[in-house]
Structures are given as C-alpha cells and as structure tokens.
Amino acid sequence: MIYIGLAGWGDHDDLYEGTPSNQKLETYASFFPVVELDSSFYAVQPLRNMEKWVRVTPSSFKFVVKAYQGMTGHQKSSEPFESREEMFAAFRASLEPLQRAGKLAMVLCQFPPWFDCKKEHVAYLRYVKEQLKDIPCALEFRNQTWFTSDMKERTLSFMKEENWIHSICDEPQAGVGSIPAVLQATNKEATLIRMHGRNRHGWNDPGNGKWRDVRYLYQYKEHELKEWQKNLSQLEKESKTIYMIFNNNSGGDAAGNAQEMISMLDIEYTGLAPRQLDLFSE
C-alpha cells in the first residue's frame, strides 16, 4: 500500500479555506492518510499535544515523527536535558499516545550535512537505534559520502542489518550536502520517500540566512511525478508499505503535487476524516 501525505499540516493554505486555525489537522486528515510531524524536531512534544493529535484524527491515520534535533546532532548538546539518555527517554515517552493508538508509522532520524560516513558516526547510529528500542525508525542522510560508489552497498547492508527503514530522497544534486535517490528498500515492512523538490540553486545556504525560505521552493512537473510512478512500482515489490511525503512547501506546492500523485496512481483512501461541508451549499 502507498500512503501519500505532506510535511506538517500548517503551511497548506489551499486546503483550509474557512477552517479555524485550531482545526487544521482535522481538515488535513480529510485529504491525506499520513502526515510528517515536524514540531518534534524543534522540541520533544508534551503528552497533551500528542493526545490531542490522536484524538482529532481517524483511527487509521498515521504520523511520521521527526526525531528531536538533539538526537540527530543538529545541536551540539543535549539541552534542555541533563544527559543524552534522558533526552532519548523523554522522546520515547512522548510517542506513547501514538503507539497506543496504532498511529505511529515511524520515527524519522534525519542527520545533518556534516554527519559524514566514518566509524564514529556508524557507532552513533547503532546507539540511536539501541535507544529507540523496538520503535520503527527511518534513516535519512544529508551527506553524499554514505552513497559513494565504494560505500553505497556497505551503507545499504548496514541499514538492513540494523533494521533501519530507508528514507529515500528526491532532491537536487547540489554538492556533498545532498544525496542521490537510491531506489532500494532496506526494510521489508516499510520504506519512506521524501519529496524535497529540485531547486538546485536554493538548496545550499548562501550565507544570507534565507535558505529555509527557498530550499523547498519547487513545483513538480507531471513527467517528474511519472518518474516516481515507475519508482513506486519497483519499491512496492521490496516493502509492504510505502509512505511518500511531499516537503516542497515553500511556495505552497506540496498539497497540489501530492493530490496529483494520488490521482496518477488512481488511489482512493478509505477511512479519511469526513470533509467539512458548507452549510449554505445546495
């Protein structure tokens, strides 16, 4: 099965005409069966948030939860936690409402561009997997050294041995801080695909601090989505479930591209939230 959704639910204005700001997730869940939860990257979420998000989404809805930034080396220390172990324990505890409800698809561990392929980083990946215990975990790199011609097969073999879900990225090839789309599953249960767009000139930080506004500024063309139609057909033979997340949010293109992909694949999801109806429509 292929589940298609978006990175976050707050940035897609074309979905929310007339929707109160505090009801966006309910409306989002009437369009898509899965969402990537990004707020967990910036702070370990309190249980009340997770419990609310469980409550307002359908029983079959799934969350791909992005790992807290301290766990993936985006920040140097474990603050505001006293130790690394405490940080991981708090993150695990935050997931319990999703796990109880059967709504946790996986945790996404996205590592930064400076996390290159070397022994100490391989050891840290093992540590992360150990700390996250039996939680399904996806691994995404942002450094090409993991997929050079002499390391690619070793990286994939390591991911299979450690039971990592492969986060396959569609992104521009813009130097060492980007990776190719390696179309191989490493987990029989699930594969994650993240559609970052192909804005090559906006991918790297030019030093003006505005790269976050332009990195994901991209609208996929029909022929590019058709490429992925073929890729998905291949990956479905290797993993039982495929999650495809559109992250090209900067210009508001993610929702439209995701809906186009759903239509192209002729998918009709059941179990979505009921669509809000206009009381004054005929």
C-alpha atoms as a PDB file:
ATOM      1  CA  MET A   1       0.000   0.000   0.000  1.00  0.00           C
ATOM      2  CA  ILE A   2       1.153   3.561  -0.720  1.00  0.00           C
ATOM      3  CA  TYR A   3       0.274   6.320   1.740  1.00  0.00           C
ATOM      4  CA  ILE A   4       0.837   9.881   0.497  1.00  0.00           C
ATOM      5  CA  GLY A   5       0.907  12.996   2.651  1.00  0.00           C
ATOM      6  CA  LEU A   6       2.710  16.230   3.482  1.00  0.00           C
ATOM      7  CA  ALA A   7       5.408  17.535   5.792  1.00  0.00           C
ATOM      8  CA  GLY A   8       3.419  19.298   8.508  1.00  0.00           C
ATOM      9  CA  TRP A   9      -0.187  20.379   8.301  1.00  0.00           C
ATOM     10  CA  GLY A  10       0.079  24.116   8.938  1.00  0.00           C
ATOM     11  CA  ASP A  11       1.510  25.512   5.689  1.00  0.00           C
ATOM     12  CA  HIS A  12      -1.022  24.378   3.103  1.00  0.00           C
ATOM     13  CA  ASP A  13      -3.445  27.285   2.824  1.00  0.00           C
ATOM     14  CA  ASP A  14      -5.238  25.918  -0.227  1.00  0.00           C
ATOM     15  CA  LEU A  15      -6.648  23.100   1.952  1.00  0.00           C
ATOM     16  CA  TYR A  16      -8.053  25.329   4.691  1.00  0.00           C
ATOM     17  CA  GLU A  17     -10.447  27.893   3.269  1.00  0.00           C
ATOM     18  CA  GLY A  18     -12.849  28.702   6.089  1.00  0.00           C
ATOM     19  CA  THR A  19     -11.138  26.338   8.537  1.00  0.00           C
ATOM     20  CA  PRO A  20     -10.355  27.732  12.023  1.00  0.00           C
ATOM     21  CA  SER A  21      -6.611  27.682  12.725  1.00  0.00           C
ATOM     22  CA  ASN A  22      -7.076  25.248  15.602  1.00  0.00           C
ATOM     23  CA  GLN A  23      -8.851  22.704  13.382  1.00  0.00           C
ATOM     24  CA  LYS A  24      -6.357  22.396  10.552  1.00  0.00           C
ATOM     25  CA  LEU A  25      -5.272  18.860  11.406  1.00  0.00           C
ATOM     26  CA  GLU A  26      -8.862  17.605  11.297  1.00  0.00           C
ATOM     27  CA  THR A  27      -9.282  19.149   7.839  1.00  0.00           C
ATOM     28  CA  TYR A  28      -5.894  17.868   6.684  1.00  0.00           C
ATOM     29  CA  ALA A  29      -6.930  14.337   7.696  1.00  0.00           C
ATOM     30  CA  SER A  30      -9.891  14.557   5.326  1.00  0.00           C
ATOM     31  CA  PHE A  31      -7.434  14.797   2.405  1.00  0.00           C
ATOM     32  CA  PHE A  32      -4.460  12.620   3.401  1.00  0.00           C
ATOM     33  CA  PRO A  33      -3.926   9.464   5.493  1.00  0.00           C
ATOM     34  CA  VAL A  34      -0.461  10.359   6.836  1.00  0.00           C
ATOM     35  CA  VAL A  35       1.497  13.422   7.944  1.00  0.00           C
ATOM     36  CA  GLU A  36       5.092  14.131   8.873  1.00  0.00           C
ATOM     37  CA  LEU A  37       5.212  15.666  12.356  1.00  0.00           C
ATOM     38  CA  ASP A  38       7.986  18.293  12.278  1.00  0.00           C
ATOM     39  CA  SER A  39       7.370  20.127  15.564  1.00  0.00           C
ATOM     40  CA  SER A  40       9.003  17.168  17.324  1.00  0.00           C
ATOM     41  CA  PHE A  41      12.309  18.159  15.706  1.00  0.00           C
ATOM     42  CA  TYR A  42      12.348  21.511  17.492  1.00  0.00           C
ATOM     43  CA  ALA A  43      11.087  20.286  20.882  1.00  0.00           C
ATOM     44  CA  VAL A  44      10.090  16.986  22.441  1.00  0.00           C
ATOM     45  CA  GLN A  45       6.327  17.297  22.395  1.00  0.00           C
ATOM     46  CA  PRO A  46       4.286  17.234  25.613  1.00  0.00           C
ATOM     47  CA  LEU A  47       1.861  14.352  26.006  1.00  0.00           C
ATOM     48  CA  ARG A  48      -1.133  16.699  25.811  1.00  0.00           C
ATOM     49  CA  ASN A  49      -0.204  17.601  22.217  1.00  0.00           C
ATOM     50  CA  MET A  50       0.232  14.008  21.135  1.00  0.00           C
ATOM     51  CA  GLU A  51      -3.018  13.007  22.859  1.00  0.00           C
ATOM     52  CA  LYS A  52      -4.902  15.803  21.102  1.00  0.00           C
ATOM     53  CA  TRP A  53      -3.500  14.841  17.690  1.00  0.00           C
ATOM     54  CA  VAL A  54      -4.500  11.242  18.294  1.00  0.00           C
ATOM     55  CA  ARG A  55      -7.989  12.342  19.335  1.00  0.00           C
ATOM     56  CA  VAL A  56      -8.750  14.523  16.298  1.00  0.00           C
ATOM     57  CA  THR A  57      -7.541  12.130  13.593  1.00  0.00           C
ATOM     58  CA  PRO A  58      -9.223   8.996  12.204  1.00  0.00           C
ATOM     59  CA  SER A  59      -8.299   5.605  13.650  1.00  0.00           C
ATOM     60  CA  SER A  60      -6.273   4.644  10.561  1.00  0.00           C
ATOM     61  CA  PHE A  61      -4.313   7.920  10.376  1.00  0.00           C
ATOM     62  CA  LYS A  62      -0.512   7.696  10.682  1.00  0.00           C
ATOM     63  CA  PHE A  63       2.259  10.020  11.860  1.00  0.00           C
ATOM     64  CA  VAL A  64       5.870  10.032  10.689  1.00  0.00           C
ATOM     65  CA  VAL A  65       7.538  11.695  13.684  1.00  0.00           C
ATOM     66  CA  LYS A  66      10.756  13.601  13.072  1.00  0.00           C
ATOM     67  CA  ALA A  67      13.397  12.881  15.706  1.00  0.00           C
ATOM     68  CA  TYR A  68      14.335  15.682  18.094  1.00  0.00           C
ATOM     69  CA  GLN A  69      17.295  17.711  16.801  1.00  0.00           C
ATOM     70  CA  GLY A  70      19.485  16.896  19.802  1.00  0.00           C
ATOM     71  CA  MET A  71      19.233  13.197  18.929  1.00  0.00           C
ATOM     72  CA  THR A  72      20.497  13.678  15.376  1.00  0.00           C
ATOM     73  CA  GLY A  73      23.376  16.075  16.015  1.00  0.00           C
ATOM     74  CA  HIS A  74      21.750  19.246  14.743  1.00  0.00           C
ATOM     75  CA  GLN A  75      22.625  20.780  18.090  1.00  0.00           C
ATOM     76  CA  LYS A  76      25.843  20.078  19.962  1.00  0.00           C
ATOM     77  CA  SER A  77      24.431  19.454  23.441  1.00  0.00           C
ATOM     78  CA  SER A  78      21.504  17.540  24.920  1.00  0.00           C
ATOM     79  CA  GLU A  79      19.948  20.702  26.391  1.00  0.00           C
ATOM     80  CA  PRO A  80      17.398  21.181  27.892  1.00  0.00           C
ATOM     81  CA  PHE A  81      18.011  17.635  29.170  1.00  0.00           C
ATOM     82  CA  GLU A  82      20.722  16.765  31.658  1.00  0.00           C
ATOM     83  CA  SER A  83      22.023  13.825  29.648  1.00  0.00           C
ATOM     84  CA  ARG A  84      21.711  12.148  26.290  1.00  0.00           C
ATOM     85  CA  GLU A  85      19.950   9.192  27.904  1.00  0.00           C
ATOM     86  CA  GLU A  86      17.371  11.495  29.499  1.00  0.00           C
ATOM     87  CA  MET A  87      16.762  13.145  26.133  1.00  0.00           C
ATOM     88  CA  PHE A  88      16.063   9.823  24.417  1.00  0.00           C
ATOM     89  CA  ALA A  89      13.869   8.666  27.296  1.00  0.00           C
ATOM     90  CA  ALA A  90      11.769  11.841  27.085  1.00  0.00           C
ATOM     91  CA  PHE A  91      11.372  11.428  23.339  1.00  0.00           C
ATOM     92  CA  ARG A  92      10.324   7.788  23.692  1.00  0.00           C
ATOM     93  CA  ALA A  93       7.776   8.739  26.344  1.00  0.00           C
ATOM     94  CA  SER A  94       6.296  11.409  24.060  1.00  0.00           C
ATOM     95  CA  LEU A  95       5.474   8.749  21.477  1.00  0.00           C
ATOM     96  CA  GLU A  96       3.372   6.600  23.798  1.00  0.00           C
ATOM     97  CA  PRO A  97      -0.043   8.086  22.839  1.00  0.00           C
ATOM     98  CA  LEU A  98       0.687   7.452  19.141  1.00  0.00           C
ATOM     99  CA  GLN A  99       1.886   3.929  19.844  1.00  0.00           C
ATOM    100  CA  ARG A 100      -1.142   3.049  21.972  1.00  0.00           C
ATOM    101  CA  ALA A 101      -3.463   4.266  19.215  1.00  0.00           C
ATOM    102  CA  GLY A 102      -1.543   2.442  16.466  1.00  0.00           C
ATOM    103  CA  LYS A 103      -0.851   5.766  14.760  1.00  0.00           C
ATOM    104  CA  LEU A 104       2.963   5.827  14.783  1.00  0.00           C
ATOM    105  CA  ALA A 105       4.216   4.946  11.311  1.00  0.00           C
ATOM    106  CA  MET A 106       7.864   5.534  12.221  1.00  0.00           C
ATOM    107  CA  VAL A 107      10.396   7.949  13.668  1.00  0.00           C
ATOM    108  CA  LEU A 108      12.417   9.806  11.036  1.00  0.00           C
ATOM    109  CA  CYS A 109      16.071  10.287  12.002  1.00  0.00           C
ATOM    110  CA  GLN A 110      17.401  12.868   9.562  1.00  0.00           C
ATOM    111  CA  PHE A 111      21.085  13.585  10.051  1.00  0.00           C
ATOM    112  CA  PRO A 112      22.748  16.894   9.088  1.00  0.00           C
ATOM    113  CA  PRO A 113      25.107  17.551   6.145  1.00  0.00           C
ATOM    114  CA  TRP A 114      28.193  17.347   8.391  1.00  0.00           C
ATOM    115  CA  PHE A 115      27.276  13.817   9.522  1.00  0.00           C
ATOM    116  CA  ASP A 116      29.595  12.033   7.089  1.00  0.00           C
ATOM    117  CA  CYS A 117      30.498   8.394   6.638  1.00  0.00           C
ATOM    118  CA  LYS A 118      33.040   7.422   9.297  1.00  0.00           C
ATOM    119  CA  LYS A 119      33.364   4.874  12.088  1.00  0.00           C
ATOM    120  CA  GLU A 120      32.335   7.140  14.945  1.00  0.00           C
ATOM    121  CA  HIS A 121      29.147   8.091  13.101  1.00  0.00           C
ATOM    122  CA  VAL A 122      28.333   4.453  12.358  1.00  0.00           C
ATOM    123  CA  ALA A 123      28.759   3.774  16.080  1.00  0.00           C
ATOM    124  CA  TYR A 124      26.401   6.638  16.892  1.00  0.00           C
ATOM    125  CA  LEU A 125      23.764   5.273  14.510  1.00  0.00           C
ATOM    126  CA  ARG A 126      23.912   1.997  16.439  1.00  0.00           C
ATOM    127  CA  TYR A 127      23.499   3.942  19.678  1.00  0.00           C
ATOM    128  CA  VAL A 128      20.431   5.784  18.333  1.00  0.00           C
ATOM    129  CA  LYS A 129      18.837   2.534  17.204  1.00  0.00           C
ATOM    130  CA  GLU A 130      19.535   0.982  20.610  1.00  0.00           C
ATOM    131  CA  GLN A 131      17.994   3.958  22.419  1.00  0.00           C
ATOM    132  CA  LEU A 132      14.855   3.898  20.276  1.00  0.00           C
ATOM    133  CA  LYS A 133      14.464   0.199  21.039  1.00  0.00           C
ATOM    134  CA  ASP A 134      11.694  -1.503  19.022  1.00  0.00           C
ATOM    135  CA  ILE A 135      10.303   1.718  17.518  1.00  0.00           C
ATOM    136  CA  PRO A 136      10.302   1.649  13.675  1.00  0.00           C
ATOM    137  CA  CYS A 137      12.992   4.118  12.573  1.00  0.00           C
ATOM    138  CA  ALA A 138      13.776   5.671   9.202  1.00  0.00           C
ATOM    139  CA  LEU A 139      17.280   6.886   8.403  1.00  0.00           C
ATOM    140  CA  GLU A 140      17.946   9.864   6.143  1.00  0.00           C
ATOM    141  CA  PHE A 141      21.395  11.151   5.280  1.00  0.00           C
ATOM    142  CA  ARG A 142      22.331  14.610   4.022  1.00  0.00           C
ATOM    143  CA  ASN A 143      25.926  13.775   3.107  1.00  0.00           C
ATOM    144  CA  GLN A 144      26.954  12.080  -0.141  1.00  0.00           C
ATOM    145  CA  THR A 145      29.821  10.116   1.422  1.00  0.00           C
ATOM    146  CA  TRP A 146      27.338   7.438   2.543  1.00  0.00           C
ATOM    147  CA  PHE A 147      26.450   6.708  -1.080  1.00  0.00           C
ATOM    148  CA  THR A 148      29.724   6.996  -2.988  1.00  0.00           C
ATOM    149  CA  SER A 149      30.422   4.133  -5.384  1.00  0.00           C
ATOM    150  CA  ASP A 150      32.626   2.330  -2.843  1.00  0.00           C
ATOM    151  CA  MET A 151      30.322   2.881   0.166  1.00  0.00           C
ATOM    152  CA  LYS A 152      26.782   2.618  -1.204  1.00  0.00           C
ATOM    153  CA  GLU A 153      26.359  -1.154  -0.862  1.00  0.00           C
ATOM    154  CA  ARG A 154      28.035  -1.189   2.552  1.00  0.00           C
ATOM    155  CA  THR A 155      25.687   1.557   3.753  1.00  0.00           C
ATOM    156  CA  LEU A 156      22.617  -0.301   2.496  1.00  0.00           C
ATOM    157  CA  SER A 157      23.825  -3.580   4.041  1.00  0.00           C
ATOM    158  CA  PHE A 158      24.369  -1.835   7.378  1.00  0.00           C
ATOM    159  CA  MET A 159      20.860  -0.379   7.245  1.00  0.00           C
ATOM    160  CA  LYS A 160      19.381  -3.822   6.546  1.00  0.00           C
ATOM    161  CA  GLU A 161      21.351  -5.440   9.376  1.00  0.00           C
ATOM    162  CA  GLU A 162      20.282  -2.743  11.843  1.00  0.00           C
ATOM    163  CA  ASN A 163      16.670  -2.798  10.559  1.00  0.00           C
ATOM    164  CA  TRP A 164      16.590   0.860   9.509  1.00  0.00           C
ATOM    165  CA  ILE A 165      13.810   1.984   7.182  1.00  0.00           C
ATOM    166  CA  HIS A 166      15.338   3.722   4.183  1.00  0.00           C
ATOM    167  CA  SER A 167      14.298   7.343   3.753  1.00  0.00           C
ATOM    168  CA  ILE A 168      14.741   7.813   0.019  1.00  0.00           C
ATOM    169  CA  CYS A 169      15.033  11.443  -1.020  1.00  0.00           C
ATOM    170  CA  ASP A 170      14.122  13.255  -4.197  1.00  0.00           C
ATOM    171  CA  GLU A 171      16.268  16.373  -4.017  1.00  0.00           C
ATOM    172  CA  PRO A 172      18.624  18.433  -6.184  1.00  0.00           C
ATOM    173  CA  GLN A 173      22.170  17.218  -6.611  1.00  0.00           C
ATOM    174  CA  ALA A 174      23.919  20.254  -5.177  1.00  0.00           C
ATOM    175  CA  GLY A 175      27.207  19.119  -3.720  1.00  0.00           C
ATOM    176  CA  VAL A 176      28.223  16.948  -0.795  1.00  0.00           C
ATOM    177  CA  GLY A 177      25.250  18.129   1.311  1.00  0.00           C
ATOM    178  CA  SER A 178      22.725  16.343  -0.892  1.00  0.00           C
ATOM    179  CA  ILE A 179      22.211  12.672  -1.698  1.00  0.00           C
ATOM    180  CA  PRO A 180      21.032  10.754  -4.765  1.00  0.00           C
ATOM    181  CA  ALA A 181      17.728   8.917  -4.857  1.00  0.00           C
ATOM    182  CA  VAL A 182      18.887   5.379  -4.061  1.00  0.00           C
ATOM    183  CA  LEU A 183      15.944   3.197  -5.030  1.00  0.00           C
ATOM    184  CA  GLN A 184      16.488   0.277  -2.678  1.00  0.00           C
ATOM    185  CA  ALA A 185      14.406  -0.719   0.312  1.00  0.00           C
ATOM    186  CA  THR A 186      16.227  -1.808   3.463  1.00  0.00           C
ATOM    187  CA  ASN A 187      13.168  -2.911   5.452  1.00  0.00           C
ATOM    188  CA  LYS A 188      10.511  -5.350   4.257  1.00  0.00           C
ATOM    189  CA  GLU A 189       7.757  -3.658   6.238  1.00  0.00           C
ATOM    190  CA  ALA A 190       8.163  -0.025   5.185  1.00  0.00           C
ATOM    191  CA  THR A 191      10.008   2.492   3.030  1.00  0.00           C
ATOM    192  CA  LEU A 192       9.829   6.279   3.341  1.00  0.00           C
ATOM    193  CA  ILE A 193      10.104   8.656   0.379  1.00  0.00           C
ATOM    194  CA  ARG A 194      10.557  12.377   0.963  1.00  0.00           C
ATOM    195  CA  MET A 195       9.985  14.748  -1.940  1.00  0.00           C
ATOM    196  CA  HIS A 196      12.128  17.807  -1.247  1.00  0.00           C
ATOM    197  CA  GLY A 197      11.863  19.395  -4.700  1.00  0.00           C
ATOM    198  CA  ARG A 198      14.657  20.035  -7.185  1.00  0.00           C
ATOM    199  CA  ASN A 199      15.593  23.641  -6.500  1.00  0.00           C
ATOM    200  CA  ARG A 200      19.330  23.219  -7.033  1.00  0.00           C
ATOM    201  CA  HIS A 201      20.214  26.897  -6.627  1.00  0.00           C
ATOM    202  CA  GLY A 202      18.226  27.229  -3.407  1.00  0.00           C
ATOM    203  CA  TRP A 203      19.434  24.042  -1.724  1.00  0.00           C
ATOM    204  CA  ASN A 204      22.607  25.270  -0.043  1.00  0.00           C
ATOM    205  CA  ASP A 205      22.820  28.142   2.426  1.00  0.00           C
ATOM    206  CA  PRO A 206      24.299  31.162   0.574  1.00  0.00           C
ATOM    207  CA  GLY A 207      25.016  32.833   3.905  1.00  0.00           C
ATOM    208  CA  ASN A 208      22.120  35.295   3.973  1.00  0.00           C
ATOM    209  CA  GLY A 209      20.030  33.239   6.360  1.00  0.00           C
ATOM    210  CA  LYS A 210      17.110  32.924   3.923  1.00  0.00           C
ATOM    211  CA  TRP A 211      17.817  29.430   2.623  1.00  0.00           C
ATOM    212  CA  ARG A 212      14.885  27.916   4.562  1.00  0.00           C
ATOM    213  CA  ASP A 213      12.507  30.087   2.529  1.00  0.00           C
ATOM    214  CA  VAL A 214      13.806  28.913  -0.828  1.00  0.00           C
ATOM    215  CA  ARG A 215      15.238  25.402  -0.352  1.00  0.00           C
ATOM    216  CA  TYR A 216      11.847  23.756  -0.833  1.00  0.00           C
ATOM    217  CA  LEU A 217      10.534  26.238  -3.400  1.00  0.00           C
ATOM    218  CA  TYR A 218       9.640  23.880  -6.217  1.00  0.00           C
ATOM    219  CA  GLN A 219       6.630  22.558  -8.099  1.00  0.00           C
ATOM    220  CA  TYR A 220       6.999  19.051  -9.510  1.00  0.00           C
ATOM    221  CA  LYS A 221       6.141  18.697 -13.184  1.00  0.00           C
ATOM    222  CA  GLU A 222       3.937  15.915 -14.486  1.00  0.00           C
ATOM    223  CA  HIS A 223       6.810  13.999 -16.086  1.00  0.00           C
ATOM    224  CA  GLU A 224       8.764  14.118 -12.807  1.00  0.00           C
ATOM    225  CA  LEU A 225       5.847  12.606 -10.916  1.00  0.00           C
ATOM    226  CA  LYS A 226       5.526   9.945 -13.611  1.00  0.00           C
ATOM    227  CA  GLU A 227       9.161   9.013 -12.928  1.00  0.00           C
ATOM    228  CA  TRP A 228       8.113   8.311  -9.370  1.00  0.00           C
ATOM    229  CA  GLN A 229       5.107   6.329 -10.528  1.00  0.00           C
ATOM    230  CA  LYS A 230       7.617   3.866 -12.022  1.00  0.00           C
ATOM    231  CA  ASN A 231       9.885   4.040  -8.969  1.00  0.00           C
ATOM    232  CA  LEU A 232       6.993   3.271  -6.625  1.00  0.00           C
ATOM    233  CA  SER A 233       6.060   0.234  -8.673  1.00  0.00           C
ATOM    234  CA  GLN A 234       9.597  -1.095  -8.136  1.00  0.00           C
ATOM    235  CA  LEU A 235       9.710  -0.301  -4.412  1.00  0.00           C
ATOM    236  CA  GLU A 236       6.319  -1.908  -3.743  1.00  0.00           C
ATOM    237  CA  LYS A 237       7.985  -5.242  -4.568  1.00  0.00           C
ATOM    238  CA  GLU A 238      10.517  -4.669  -1.778  1.00  0.00           C
ATOM    239  CA  SER A 239       8.408  -3.170   1.055  1.00  0.00           C
ATOM    240  CA  LYS A 240       4.871  -3.882   2.196  1.00  0.00           C
ATOM    241  CA  THR A 241       4.063  -0.223   2.875  1.00  0.00           C
ATOM    242  CA  ILE A 242       5.382   2.921   1.173  1.00  0.00           C
ATOM    243  CA  TYR A 243       4.995   6.334   2.800  1.00  0.00           C
ATOM    244  CA  MET A 244       5.521   9.273   0.436  1.00  0.00           C
ATOM    245  CA  ILE A 245       5.842  12.737   1.981  1.00  0.00           C
ATOM    246  CA  PHE A 246       5.846  15.918  -0.103  1.00  0.00           C
ATOM    247  CA  ASN A 247       8.085  18.525   1.533  1.00  0.00           C
ATOM    248  CA  ASN A 248       8.136  21.144  -1.268  1.00  0.00           C
ATOM    249  CA  ASN A 249       6.256  23.580   0.944  1.00  0.00           C
ATOM    250  CA  SER A 250       7.973  26.939   0.411  1.00  0.00           C
ATOM    251  CA  GLY A 251       5.703  28.030  -2.425  1.00  0.00           C
ATOM    252  CA  GLY A 252       2.598  26.130  -1.360  1.00  0.00           C
ATOM    253  CA  ASP A 253       3.094  23.392  -3.969  1.00  0.00           C
ATOM    254  CA  ALA A 254       3.206  20.291  -1.756  1.00  0.00           C
ATOM    255  CA  ALA A 255      -0.533  19.683  -1.375  1.00  0.00           C
ATOM    256  CA  GLY A 256      -1.244  20.056  -5.088  1.00  0.00           C
ATOM    257  CA  ASN A 257       1.627  17.771  -6.078  1.00  0.00           C
ATOM    258  CA  ALA A 258       0.585  15.151  -3.509  1.00  0.00           C
ATOM    259  CA  GLN A 259      -3.002  15.191  -4.781  1.00  0.00           C
ATOM    260  CA  GLU A 260      -1.719  14.916  -8.343  1.00  0.00           C
ATOM    261  CA  MET A 261       0.351  11.877  -7.353  1.00  0.00           C
ATOM    262  CA  ILE A 262      -2.649  10.239  -5.668  1.00  0.00           C
ATOM    263  CA  SER A 263      -4.727  10.795  -8.807  1.00  0.00           C
ATOM    264  CA  MET A 264      -1.941   9.499 -11.061  1.00  0.00           C
ATOM    265  CA  LEU A 265      -1.764   6.293  -9.012  1.00  0.00           C
ATOM    266  CA  ASP A 266      -5.584   6.020  -9.004  1.00  0.00           C
ATOM    267  CA  ILE A 267      -5.681   5.690  -5.206  1.00  0.00           C
ATOM    268  CA  GLU A 268      -8.890   6.194  -3.230  1.00  0.00           C
ATOM    269  CA  TYR A 269      -8.234   6.238   0.500  1.00  0.00           C
ATOM    270  CA  THR A 270     -10.873   4.943   2.867  1.00  0.00           C
ATOM    271  CA  GLY A 271     -11.123   5.979   6.497  1.00  0.00           C
ATOM    272  CA  LEU A 272     -10.292   9.646   5.983  1.00  0.00           C
ATOM    273  CA  ALA A 273     -11.901  12.257   8.215  1.00  0.00           C
ATOM    274  CA  PRO A 274     -15.276  13.487   6.946  1.00  0.00           C
ATOM    275  CA  ARG A 275     -14.908  16.552   4.751  1.00  0.00           C
ATOM    276  CA  GLN A 276     -16.374  19.736   6.233  1.00  0.00           C
ATOM    277  CA  LEU A 277     -19.402  20.804   4.200  1.00  0.00           C
ATOM    278  CA  ASP A 278     -20.609  24.325   3.522  1.00  0.00           C
ATOM    279  CA  LEU A 279     -23.934  24.658   5.396  1.00  0.00           C
ATOM    280  CA  PHE A 280     -25.255  27.012   2.735  1.00  0.00           C
ATOM    281  CA  SER A 281     -24.398  24.860  -0.299  1.00  0.00           C
ATOM    282  CA  GLU A 282     -27.194  23.208  -2.216  1.00  0.00           C
END
